Amino acid sequence: MRLDNEGSRYLRVKSLTLEGANWRKDINAGTRVLAGAWRQWTFDLPPQLTRSLRVKAETSDGPVTFEWPIPAR
């Protein structure tokens, strides 16, 4: 997963949680993403996940939640 910070100030990412069908991964991100920069996290997905993941992030701008489509495998 890649986060692009297209803003004009840094963003602190405190934690990331990914959830799918009977699966959950907590990532202790604890990082800053500078303005105009990006940060990437890699992880393995279990084969039973085929549609999308719900991503929850705690950031310096508050909580963010979105659906992330799983790429075709």
PDB file of N, CA and C in Angstrom:
ATOM      1  N   MET A   1       0.848  -1.147   0.000  1.00  0.00           N
ATOM      2  CA  MET A   1       0.000   0.000   0.000  1.00  0.00           C
ATOM      3  C   MET A   1       0.899   1.216   0.000  1.00  0.00           C
ATOM      4  N   ARG A   2       0.489   2.240  -0.773  1.00  0.00           N
ATOM      5  CA  ARG A   2       1.295   3.457  -0.864  1.00  0.00           C
ATOM      6  C   ARG A   2       0.437   4.668  -0.521  1.00  0.00           C
ATOM      7  N   LEU A   3       1.003   5.549   0.287  1.00  0.00           N
ATOM      8  CA  LEU A   3       0.339   6.795   0.651  1.00  0.00           C
ATOM      9  C   LEU A   3       1.137   7.945   0.047  1.00  0.00           C
ATOM     10  N   ASP A   4       0.494   8.704  -0.826  1.00  0.00           N
ATOM     11  CA  ASP A   4       1.110   9.889  -1.431  1.00  0.00           C
ATOM     12  C   ASP A   4       0.592  11.113  -0.698  1.00  0.00           C
ATOM     13  N   ASN A   5       1.487  11.926  -0.175  1.00  0.00           N
ATOM     14  CA  ASN A   5       1.091  13.147   0.504  1.00  0.00           C
ATOM     15  C   ASN A   5       1.193  14.300  -0.490  1.00  0.00           C
ATOM     16  N   GLU A   6       0.057  14.667  -1.054  1.00  0.00           N
ATOM     17  CA  GLU A   6       0.015  15.750  -2.033  1.00  0.00           C
ATOM     18  C   GLU A   6      -0.294  17.088  -1.372  1.00  0.00           C
ATOM     19  N   GLY A   7      -0.293  17.104  -0.051  1.00  0.00           N
ATOM     20  CA  GLY A   7      -0.563  18.323   0.699  1.00  0.00           C
ATOM     21  C   GLY A   7       0.663  19.220   0.797  1.00  0.00           C
ATOM     22  N   SER A   8       0.509  20.288   1.550  1.00  0.00           N
ATOM     23  CA  SER A   8       1.602  21.261   1.687  1.00  0.00           C
ATOM     24  C   SER A   8       2.301  21.166   3.046  1.00  0.00           C
ATOM     25  N   ARG A   9       1.945  20.145   3.852  1.00  0.00           N
ATOM     26  CA  ARG A   9       2.617  19.948   5.134  1.00  0.00           C
ATOM     27  C   ARG A   9       2.696  18.454   5.425  1.00  0.00           C
ATOM     28  N   TYR A  10       3.555  18.095   6.376  1.00  0.00           N
ATOM     29  CA  TYR A  10       3.722  16.668   6.640  1.00  0.00           C
ATOM     30  C   TYR A  10       2.475  16.084   7.286  1.00  0.00           C
ATOM     31  N   LEU A  11       2.335  14.770   7.142  1.00  0.00           N
ATOM     32  CA  LEU A  11       1.237  14.029   7.748  1.00  0.00           C
ATOM     33  C   LEU A  11       1.848  12.944   8.612  1.00  0.00           C
ATOM     34  N   ARG A  12       1.435  12.879   9.854  1.00  0.00           N
ATOM     35  CA  ARG A  12       1.919  11.820  10.739  1.00  0.00           C
ATOM     36  C   ARG A  12       0.916  10.678  10.690  1.00  0.00           C
ATOM     37  N   VAL A  13       1.395   9.495  10.387  1.00  0.00           N
ATOM     38  CA  VAL A  13       0.564   8.292  10.365  1.00  0.00           C
ATOM     39  C   VAL A  13       0.901   7.512  11.624  1.00  0.00           C
ATOM     40  N   LYS A  14      -0.068   7.425  12.525  1.00  0.00           N
ATOM     41  CA  LYS A  14       0.165   6.754  13.810  1.00  0.00           C
ATOM     42  C   LYS A  14      -0.020   5.246  13.690  1.00  0.00           C
ATOM     43  N   SER A  15      -1.088   4.828  12.991  1.00  0.00           N
ATOM     44  CA  SER A  15      -1.349   3.398  12.841  1.00  0.00           C
ATOM     45  C   SER A  15      -2.209   3.153  11.611  1.00  0.00           C
ATOM     46  N   LEU A  16      -2.104   1.934  11.097  1.00  0.00           N
ATOM     47  CA  LEU A  16      -2.930   1.474   9.980  1.00  0.00           C
ATOM     48  C   LEU A  16      -3.540   0.139  10.362  1.00  0.00           C
ATOM     49  N   THR A  17      -4.813  -0.036  10.058  1.00  0.00           N
ATOM     50  CA  THR A  17      -5.480  -1.315  10.258  1.00  0.00           C
ATOM     51  C   THR A  17      -6.146  -1.692   8.952  1.00  0.00           C
ATOM     52  N   LEU A  18      -5.914  -2.927   8.508  1.00  0.00           N
ATOM     53  CA  LEU A  18      -6.533  -3.442   7.295  1.00  0.00           C
ATOM     54  C   LEU A  18      -7.444  -4.580   7.691  1.00  0.00           C
ATOM     55  N   GLU A  19      -8.658  -4.590   7.159  1.00  0.00           N
ATOM     56  CA  GLU A  19      -9.625  -5.634   7.502  1.00  0.00           C
ATOM     57  C   GLU A  19     -10.270  -6.178   6.244  1.00  0.00           C
ATOM     58  N   GLY A  20     -10.383  -7.502   6.203  1.00  0.00           N
ATOM     59  CA  GLY A  20     -11.070  -8.192   5.120  1.00  0.00           C
ATOM     60  C   GLY A  20     -11.910  -9.300   5.720  1.00  0.00           C
ATOM     61  N   ALA A  21     -12.404 -10.177   4.872  1.00  0.00           N
ATOM     62  CA  ALA A  21     -13.244 -11.289   5.326  1.00  0.00           C
ATOM     63  C   ALA A  21     -12.460 -12.180   6.285  1.00  0.00           C
ATOM     64  N   ASN A  22     -12.810 -12.143   7.564  1.00  0.00           N
ATOM     65  CA  ASN A  22     -12.163 -12.957   8.602  1.00  0.00           C
ATOM     66  C   ASN A  22     -10.648 -12.776   8.638  1.00  0.00           C
ATOM     67  N   TRP A  23     -10.189 -11.567   8.383  1.00  0.00           N
ATOM     68  CA  TRP A  23      -8.753 -11.268   8.372  1.00  0.00           C
ATOM     69  C   TRP A  23      -8.541  -9.842   8.840  1.00  0.00           C
ATOM     70  N   ARG A  24      -7.471  -9.632   9.586  1.00  0.00           N
ATOM     71  CA  ARG A  24      -7.136  -8.288  10.075  1.00  0.00           C
ATOM     72  C   ARG A  24      -5.628  -8.175  10.235  1.00  0.00           C
ATOM     73  N   LYS A  25      -5.095  -7.030   9.855  1.00  0.00           N
ATOM     74  CA  LYS A  25      -3.662  -6.771  10.010  1.00  0.00           C
ATOM     75  C   LYS A  25      -3.499  -5.377  10.584  1.00  0.00           C
ATOM     76  N   ASP A  26      -2.794  -5.291  11.713  1.00  0.00           N
ATOM     77  CA  ASP A  26      -2.479  -4.004  12.327  1.00  0.00           C
ATOM     78  C   ASP A  26      -1.030  -3.674  11.995  1.00  0.00           C
ATOM     79  N   ILE A  27      -0.835  -2.470  11.474  1.00  0.00           N
ATOM     80  CA  ILE A  27       0.506  -2.008  11.143  1.00  0.00           C
ATOM     81  C   ILE A  27       0.801  -0.799  12.017  1.00  0.00           C
ATOM     82  N   ASN A  28       1.829  -0.908  12.838  1.00  0.00           N
ATOM     83  CA  ASN A  28       2.229   0.212  13.676  1.00  0.00           C
ATOM     84  C   ASN A  28       3.086   1.123  12.815  1.00  0.00           C
ATOM     85  N   ALA A  29       2.436   2.031  12.106  1.00  0.00           N
ATOM     86  CA  ALA A  29       3.121   2.855  11.116  1.00  0.00           C
ATOM     87  C   ALA A  29       4.108   3.808  11.784  1.00  0.00           C
ATOM     88  N   GLY A  30       3.659   4.593  12.737  1.00  0.00           N
ATOM     89  CA  GLY A  30       4.515   5.499  13.475  1.00  0.00           C
ATOM     90  C   GLY A  30       5.507   6.271  12.620  1.00  0.00           C
ATOM     91  N   THR A  31       5.030   6.914  11.571  1.00  0.00           N
ATOM     92  CA  THR A  31       5.937   7.605  10.663  1.00  0.00           C
ATOM     93  C   THR A  31       5.345   8.925  10.192  1.00  0.00           C
ATOM     94  N   ARG A  32       6.193   9.761   9.648  1.00  0.00           N
ATOM     95  CA  ARG A  32       5.759  11.012   9.030  1.00  0.00           C
ATOM     96  C   ARG A  32       5.964  10.902   7.528  1.00  0.00           C
ATOM     97  N   VAL A  33       5.027  11.463   6.787  1.00  0.00           N
ATOM     98  CA  VAL A  33       5.158  11.530   5.334  1.00  0.00           C
ATOM     99  C   VAL A  33       5.229  13.007   4.986  1.00  0.00           C
ATOM    100  N   LEU A  34       6.385  13.437   4.517  1.00  0.00           N
ATOM    101  CA  LEU A  34       6.596  14.848   4.220  1.00  0.00           C
ATOM    102  C   LEU A  34       5.725  15.302   3.052  1.00  0.00           C
ATOM    103  N   ALA A  35       5.465  16.592   2.992  1.00  0.00           N
ATOM    104  CA  ALA A  35       4.699  17.161   1.883  1.00  0.00           C
ATOM    105  C   ALA A  35       5.387  16.819   0.566  1.00  0.00           C
ATOM    106  N   GLY A  36       4.608  16.332  -0.404  1.00  0.00           N
ATOM    107  CA  GLY A  36       5.148  15.972  -1.705  1.00  0.00           C
ATOM    108  C   GLY A  36       5.870  14.637  -1.734  1.00  0.00           C
ATOM    109  N   ALA A  37       5.892  13.921  -0.620  1.00  0.00           N
ATOM    110  CA  ALA A  37       6.591  12.637  -0.543  1.00  0.00           C
ATOM    111  C   ALA A  37       5.581  11.497  -0.451  1.00  0.00           C
ATOM    112  N   TRP A  38       6.079  10.275  -0.368  1.00  0.00           N
ATOM    113  CA  TRP A  38       5.221   9.110  -0.233  1.00  0.00           C
ATOM    114  C   TRP A  38       5.868   8.103   0.712  1.00  0.00           C
ATOM    115  N   ARG A  39       5.035   7.194   1.176  1.00  0.00           N
ATOM    116  CA  ARG A  39       5.481   6.110   2.063  1.00  0.00           C
ATOM    117  C   ARG A  39       4.758   4.855   1.619  1.00  0.00           C
ATOM    118  N   GLN A  40       5.456   3.726   1.656  1.00  0.00           N
ATOM    119  CA  GLN A  40       4.871   2.477   1.185  1.00  0.00           C
ATOM    120  C   GLN A  40       5.026   1.389   2.247  1.00  0.00           C
ATOM    121  N   TRP A  41       3.992   0.557   2.392  1.00  0.00           N
ATOM    122  CA  TRP A  41       4.011  -0.603   3.278  1.00  0.00           C
ATOM    123  C   TRP A  41       3.701  -1.832   2.444  1.00  0.00           C
ATOM    124  N   THR A  42       4.409  -2.904   2.686  1.00  0.00           N
ATOM    125  CA  THR A  42       4.146  -4.158   1.974  1.00  0.00           C
ATOM    126  C   THR A  42       3.752  -5.231   2.976  1.00  0.00           C
ATOM    127  N   PHE A  43       2.895  -6.122   2.540  1.00  0.00           N
ATOM    128  CA  PHE A  43       2.426  -7.214   3.381  1.00  0.00           C
ATOM    129  C   PHE A  43       1.790  -8.257   2.476  1.00  0.00           C
ATOM    130  N   ASP A  44       1.697  -9.482   2.958  1.00  0.00           N
ATOM    131  CA  ASP A  44       1.063 -10.567   2.214  1.00  0.00           C
ATOM    132  C   ASP A  44      -0.423 -10.599   2.522  1.00  0.00           C
ATOM    133  N   LEU A  45      -1.208 -10.852   1.494  1.00  0.00           N
ATOM    134  CA  LEU A  45      -2.657 -11.005   1.660  1.00  0.00           C
ATOM    135  C   LEU A  45      -3.007 -12.486   1.613  1.00  0.00           C
ATOM    136  N   PRO A  46      -3.889 -12.939   2.482  1.00  0.00           N
ATOM    137  CA  PRO A  46      -4.309 -14.336   2.411  1.00  0.00           C
ATOM    138  C   PRO A  46      -5.129 -14.575   1.136  1.00  0.00           C
ATOM    139  N   PRO A  47      -5.082 -15.782   0.579  1.00  0.00           N
ATOM    140  CA  PRO A  47      -5.763 -16.066  -0.686  1.00  0.00           C
ATOM    141  C   PRO A  47      -7.281 -15.910  -0.644  1.00  0.00           C
ATOM    142  N   GLN A  48      -7.907 -16.007   0.535  1.00  0.00           N
ATOM    143  CA  GLN A  48      -9.366 -15.909   0.594  1.00  0.00           C
ATOM    144  C   GLN A  48      -9.874 -14.485   0.366  1.00  0.00           C
ATOM    145  N   LEU A  49      -9.005 -13.492   0.413  1.00  0.00           N
ATOM    146  CA  LEU A  49      -9.434 -12.112   0.171  1.00  0.00           C
ATOM    147  C   LEU A  49      -9.459 -11.855  -1.328  1.00  0.00           C
ATOM    148  N   THR A  50     -10.623 -11.496  -1.845  1.00  0.00           N
ATOM    149  CA  THR A  50     -10.756 -11.335  -3.293  1.00  0.00           C
ATOM    150  C   THR A  50     -11.382 -10.009  -3.700  1.00  0.00           C
ATOM    151  N   ARG A  51     -12.023  -9.280  -2.805  1.00  0.00           N
ATOM    152  CA  ARG A  51     -12.744  -8.077  -3.213  1.00  0.00           C
ATOM    153  C   ARG A  51     -12.038  -6.799  -2.809  1.00  0.00           C
ATOM    154  N   SER A  52     -12.141  -6.434  -1.553  1.00  0.00           N
ATOM    155  CA  SER A  52     -11.515  -5.193  -1.099  1.00  0.00           C
ATOM    156  C   SER A  52     -11.181  -5.285   0.381  1.00  0.00           C
ATOM    157  N   LEU A  53     -10.352  -4.367   0.817  1.00  0.00           N
ATOM    158  CA  LEU A  53      -9.994  -4.238   2.223  1.00  0.00           C
ATOM    159  C   LEU A  53     -10.528  -2.917   2.743  1.00  0.00           C
ATOM    160  N   ARG A  54     -10.919  -2.909   3.988  1.00  0.00           N
ATOM    161  CA  ARG A  54     -11.250  -1.658   4.651  1.00  0.00           C
ATOM    162  C   ARG A  54      -9.971  -1.208   5.347  1.00  0.00           C
ATOM    163  N   VAL A  55      -9.546   0.000   5.035  1.00  0.00           N
ATOM    164  CA  VAL A  55      -8.330   0.565   5.607  1.00  0.00           C
ATOM    165  C   VAL A  55      -8.734   1.654   6.595  1.00  0.00           C
ATOM    166  N   LYS A  56      -8.200   1.549   7.801  1.00  0.00           N
ATOM    167  CA  LYS A  56      -8.432   2.560   8.832  1.00  0.00           C
ATOM    168  C   LYS A  56      -7.079   3.101   9.247  1.00  0.00           C
ATOM    169  N   ALA A  57      -6.940   4.408   9.238  1.00  0.00           N
ATOM    170  CA  ALA A  57      -5.681   5.036   9.614  1.00  0.00           C
ATOM    171  C   ALA A  57      -5.928   6.090  10.678  1.00  0.00           C
ATOM    172  N   GLU A  58      -5.050   6.143  11.648  1.00  0.00           N
ATOM    173  CA  GLU A  58      -5.035   7.227  12.627  1.00  0.00           C
ATOM    174  C   GLU A  58      -3.913   8.154  12.210  1.00  0.00           C
ATOM    175  N   THR A  59      -4.258   9.412  11.919  1.00  0.00           N
ATOM    176  CA  THR A  59      -3.258  10.362  11.423  1.00  0.00           C
ATOM    177  C   THR A  59      -3.296  11.644  12.248  1.00  0.00           C
ATOM    178  N   SER A  60      -2.319  12.501  11.986  1.00  0.00           N
ATOM    179  CA  SER A  60      -2.280  13.800  12.663  1.00  0.00           C
ATOM    180  C   SER A  60      -3.447  14.691  12.236  1.00  0.00           C
ATOM    181  N   ASP A  61      -4.101  14.367  11.127  1.00  0.00           N
ATOM    182  CA  ASP A  61      -5.290  15.103  10.678  1.00  0.00           C
ATOM    183  C   ASP A  61      -6.585  14.427  11.117  1.00  0.00           C
ATOM    184  N   GLY A  62      -6.491  13.376  11.926  1.00  0.00           N
ATOM    185  CA  GLY A  62      -7.670  12.658  12.393  1.00  0.00           C
ATOM    186  C   GLY A  62      -7.792  11.296  11.728  1.00  0.00           C
ATOM    187  N   PRO A  63      -8.858  10.559  12.045  1.00  0.00           N
ATOM    188  CA  PRO A  63      -9.034   9.224  11.480  1.00  0.00           C
ATOM    189  C   PRO A  63      -9.461   9.281  10.009  1.00  0.00           C
ATOM    190  N   VAL A  64      -9.002   8.279   9.262  1.00  0.00           N
ATOM    191  CA  VAL A  64      -9.350   8.139   7.848  1.00  0.00           C
ATOM    192  C   VAL A  64      -9.763   6.694   7.628  1.00  0.00           C
ATOM    193  N   THR A  65     -10.867   6.473   6.905  1.00  0.00           N
ATOM    194  CA  THR A  65     -11.325   5.123   6.572  1.00  0.00           C
ATOM    195  C   THR A  65     -11.716   5.096   5.098  1.00  0.00           C
ATOM    196  N   PHE A  66     -11.294   4.034   4.407  1.00  0.00           N
ATOM    197  CA  PHE A  66     -11.684   3.882   3.003  1.00  0.00           C
ATOM    198  C   PHE A  66     -11.603   2.423   2.590  1.00  0.00           C
ATOM    199  N   GLU A  67     -12.241   2.093   1.460  1.00  0.00           N
ATOM    200  CA  GLU A  67     -12.177   0.764   0.869  1.00  0.00           C
ATOM    201  C   GLU A  67     -11.062   0.758  -0.164  1.00  0.00           C
ATOM    202  N   TRP A  68     -10.216  -0.270  -0.113  1.00  0.00           N
ATOM    203  CA  TRP A  68      -9.106  -0.401  -1.047  1.00  0.00           C
ATOM    204  C   TRP A  68      -9.314  -1.671  -1.855  1.00  0.00           C
ATOM    205  N   PRO A  69      -9.507  -1.571  -3.177  1.00  0.00           N
ATOM    206  CA  PRO A  69      -9.718  -2.774  -4.004  1.00  0.00           C
ATOM    207  C   PRO A  69      -8.465  -3.642  -4.015  1.00  0.00           C
ATOM    208  N   ILE A  70      -8.665  -4.930  -3.908  1.00  0.00           N
ATOM    209  CA  ILE A  70      -7.552  -5.883  -3.969  1.00  0.00           C
ATOM    210  C   ILE A  70      -7.223  -6.125  -5.440  1.00  0.00           C
ATOM    211  N   PRO A  71      -5.949  -5.968  -5.825  1.00  0.00           N
ATOM    212  CA  PRO A  71      -5.589  -6.196  -7.225  1.00  0.00           C
ATOM    213  C   PRO A  71      -5.809  -7.655  -7.629  1.00  0.00           C
ATOM    214  N   ALA A  72      -6.093  -7.878  -8.894  1.00  0.00           N
ATOM    215  CA  ALA A  72      -6.265  -9.242  -9.398  1.00  0.00           C
ATOM    216  C   ALA A  72      -4.961 -10.010  -9.209  1.00  0.00           C
ATOM    217  N   ARG A  73      -5.108 -11.273  -8.821  1.00  0.00           N
ATOM    218  CA  ARG A  73      -3.922 -12.116  -8.615  1.00  0.00           C
ATOM    219  C   ARG A  73      -3.960 -13.295  -9.529  1.00  0.00           C
TER     220      ARG A  73
END
